[in-house]
Protein backbone atom coordinates (compact mmCIF):
# COMPACT_ATOMS: atom_id res chain seq x y z
CA UNK A 1 0.00 0.00 0.00
CA UNK A 2 1.46 3.34 -1.01
CA UNK A 3 0.71 6.54 0.89
CA UNK A 4 0.54 9.72 -1.18
CA UNK A 5 0.05 13.23 0.05
CA UNK A 6 -1.70 16.00 -1.77
CA UNK A 7 0.28 19.09 -2.78
CA UNK A 8 3.97 19.78 -3.42
CA UNK A 9 6.66 17.63 -1.83
CA UNK A 10 7.74 18.89 1.57
CA UNK A 11 11.34 18.35 2.67
CA UNK A 12 12.05 18.81 6.35
CA UNK A 13 15.82 18.49 6.05
CA UNK A 14 16.09 21.86 4.27
CA UNK A 15 14.08 23.93 6.74
CA UNK A 16 16.13 26.49 8.67
CA UNK A 17 16.25 25.99 12.41
CA UNK A 18 14.69 28.75 14.48
CA UNK A 19 17.22 30.75 16.48
CA UNK A 20 17.52 29.70 20.11
CA UNK A 21 16.00 32.09 22.64
CA UNK A 22 18.54 34.47 24.15
CA UNK A 23 19.75 33.57 27.62
CA UNK A 24 19.56 36.22 30.26
CA UNK A 25 22.39 36.99 32.62
CA UNK A 26 20.45 35.38 35.49
CA UNK A 27 20.09 32.13 33.56
CA UNK A 28 23.82 32.06 32.87
CA UNK A 29 24.59 32.63 36.56
CA UNK A 30 22.19 29.83 37.58
CA UNK A 31 23.95 27.46 35.19
CA UNK A 32 27.33 28.40 36.67
CA UNK A 33 26.14 28.08 40.26
CA UNK A 34 24.41 24.73 39.80
CA UNK A 35 27.30 23.27 37.80
CA UNK A 36 29.73 24.31 40.55
CA UNK A 37 27.49 22.78 43.21
CA UNK A 38 27.32 19.56 41.21
CA UNK A 39 31.10 19.55 40.70
CA UNK A 40 31.86 20.09 44.39
CA UNK A 41 29.33 17.45 45.41
CA UNK A 42 31.05 14.94 43.13
CA UNK A 43 34.46 15.87 44.57
CA UNK A 44 33.20 15.46 48.14
CA UNK A 45 31.64 12.10 47.28
CA UNK A 46 34.86 10.88 45.65
CA UNK A 47 36.92 11.97 48.65
CA UNK A 48 34.49 10.20 50.98
CA UNK A 49 34.67 7.07 48.84
CA UNK A 50 38.47 7.22 48.86
CA UNK A 51 38.42 7.65 52.60
CA UNK A 52 36.20 4.58 52.88
CA UNK A 53 38.62 2.42 50.88
CA UNK A 54 41.87 3.87 52.20
CA UNK A 55 41.19 5.56 55.55
CA UNK A 56 44.85 5.91 56.51
CA UNK A 57 45.73 8.41 53.76
CA UNK A 58 43.77 11.48 54.87
CA UNK A 59 43.59 10.46 58.53
CA UNK A 60 47.37 10.26 58.84
CA UNK A 61 47.72 13.81 57.47
CA UNK A 62 45.11 15.09 59.90
CA UNK A 63 46.80 13.34 62.82
CA UNK A 64 50.19 14.70 61.76
CA UNK A 65 48.85 18.26 61.76
CA UNK A 66 47.15 17.78 65.13
CA UNK A 67 50.32 16.37 66.71
CA UNK A 68 52.64 19.01 65.26
C-alpha atoms as a PDB file:
ATOM      1  CA  UNK A   1       0.000   0.000   0.000  1.00  0.00           C
ATOM      2  CA  UNK A   2       1.465   3.339  -1.012  1.00  0.00           C
ATOM      3  CA  UNK A   3       0.711   6.538   0.889  1.00  0.00           C
ATOM      4  CA  UNK A   4       0.544   9.723  -1.178  1.00  0.00           C
ATOM      5  CA  UNK A   5       0.047  13.233   0.051  1.00  0.00           C
ATOM      6  CA  UNK A   6      -1.698  16.005  -1.772  1.00  0.00           C
ATOM      7  CA  UNK A   7       0.278  19.086  -2.777  1.00  0.00           C
ATOM      8  CA  UNK A   8       3.966  19.777  -3.421  1.00  0.00           C
ATOM      9  CA  UNK A   9       6.660  17.626  -1.830  1.00  0.00           C
ATOM     10  CA  UNK A  10       7.736  18.895   1.570  1.00  0.00           C
ATOM     11  CA  UNK A  11      11.337  18.348   2.671  1.00  0.00           C
ATOM     12  CA  UNK A  12      12.047  18.806   6.346  1.00  0.00           C
ATOM     13  CA  UNK A  13      15.819  18.488   6.049  1.00  0.00           C
ATOM     14  CA  UNK A  14      16.092  21.862   4.270  1.00  0.00           C
ATOM     15  CA  UNK A  15      14.079  23.934   6.743  1.00  0.00           C
ATOM     16  CA  UNK A  16      16.133  26.486   8.672  1.00  0.00           C
ATOM     17  CA  UNK A  17      16.252  25.992  12.414  1.00  0.00           C
ATOM     18  CA  UNK A  18      14.687  28.745  14.484  1.00  0.00           C
ATOM     19  CA  UNK A  19      17.217  30.752  16.477  1.00  0.00           C
ATOM     20  CA  UNK A  20      17.521  29.701  20.108  1.00  0.00           C
ATOM     21  CA  UNK A  21      15.995  32.086  22.638  1.00  0.00           C
ATOM     22  CA  UNK A  22      18.539  34.469  24.155  1.00  0.00           C
ATOM     23  CA  UNK A  23      19.749  33.574  27.620  1.00  0.00           C
ATOM     24  CA  UNK A  24      19.563  36.225  30.255  1.00  0.00           C
ATOM     25  CA  UNK A  25      22.395  36.987  32.623  1.00  0.00           C
ATOM     26  CA  UNK A  26      20.450  35.384  35.488  1.00  0.00           C
ATOM     27  CA  UNK A  27      20.086  32.131  33.558  1.00  0.00           C
ATOM     28  CA  UNK A  28      23.825  32.055  32.872  1.00  0.00           C
ATOM     29  CA  UNK A  29      24.586  32.629  36.561  1.00  0.00           C
ATOM     30  CA  UNK A  30      22.191  29.832  37.578  1.00  0.00           C
ATOM     31  CA  UNK A  31      23.948  27.464  35.187  1.00  0.00           C
ATOM     32  CA  UNK A  32      27.335  28.402  36.669  1.00  0.00           C
ATOM     33  CA  UNK A  33      26.139  28.081  40.262  1.00  0.00           C
ATOM     34  CA  UNK A  34      24.413  24.726  39.802  1.00  0.00           C
ATOM     35  CA  UNK A  35      27.301  23.266  37.801  1.00  0.00           C
ATOM     36  CA  UNK A  36      29.726  24.311  40.553  1.00  0.00           C
ATOM     37  CA  UNK A  37      27.491  22.777  43.213  1.00  0.00           C
ATOM     38  CA  UNK A  38      27.324  19.558  41.213  1.00  0.00           C
ATOM     39  CA  UNK A  39      31.097  19.546  40.697  1.00  0.00           C
ATOM     40  CA  UNK A  40      31.863  20.089  44.389  1.00  0.00           C
ATOM     41  CA  UNK A  41      29.325  17.452  45.405  1.00  0.00           C
ATOM     42  CA  UNK A  42      31.047  14.942  43.127  1.00  0.00           C
ATOM     43  CA  UNK A  43      34.459  15.869  44.567  1.00  0.00           C
ATOM     44  CA  UNK A  44      33.200  15.462  48.141  1.00  0.00           C
ATOM     45  CA  UNK A  45      31.638  12.098  47.284  1.00  0.00           C
ATOM     46  CA  UNK A  46      34.859  10.878  45.652  1.00  0.00           C
ATOM     47  CA  UNK A  47      36.924  11.975  48.648  1.00  0.00           C
ATOM     48  CA  UNK A  48      34.492  10.199  50.977  1.00  0.00           C
ATOM     49  CA  UNK A  49      34.672   7.075  48.837  1.00  0.00           C
ATOM     50  CA  UNK A  50      38.467   7.225  48.859  1.00  0.00           C
ATOM     51  CA  UNK A  51      38.422   7.651  52.605  1.00  0.00           C
ATOM     52  CA  UNK A  52      36.202   4.575  52.879  1.00  0.00           C
ATOM     53  CA  UNK A  53      38.616   2.421  50.882  1.00  0.00           C
ATOM     54  CA  UNK A  54      41.872   3.867  52.204  1.00  0.00           C
ATOM     55  CA  UNK A  55      41.192   5.558  55.551  1.00  0.00           C
ATOM     56  CA  UNK A  56      44.850   5.909  56.511  1.00  0.00           C
ATOM     57  CA  UNK A  57      45.732   8.409  53.764  1.00  0.00           C
ATOM     58  CA  UNK A  58      43.767  11.477  54.874  1.00  0.00           C
ATOM     59  CA  UNK A  59      43.591  10.455  58.531  1.00  0.00           C
ATOM     60  CA  UNK A  60      47.372  10.262  58.844  1.00  0.00           C
ATOM     61  CA  UNK A  61      47.720  13.806  57.475  1.00  0.00           C
ATOM     62  CA  UNK A  62      45.113  15.094  59.900  1.00  0.00           C
ATOM     63  CA  UNK A  63      46.797  13.336  62.820  1.00  0.00           C
ATOM     64  CA  UNK A  64      50.195  14.701  61.758  1.00  0.00           C
ATOM     65  CA  UNK A  65      48.851  18.264  61.763  1.00  0.00           C
ATOM     66  CA  UNK A  66      47.149  17.775  65.132  1.00  0.00           C
ATOM     67  CA  UNK A  67      50.323  16.371  66.708  1.00  0.00           C
ATOM     68  CA  UNK A  68      52.642  19.009  65.256  1.00  0.00           C
END
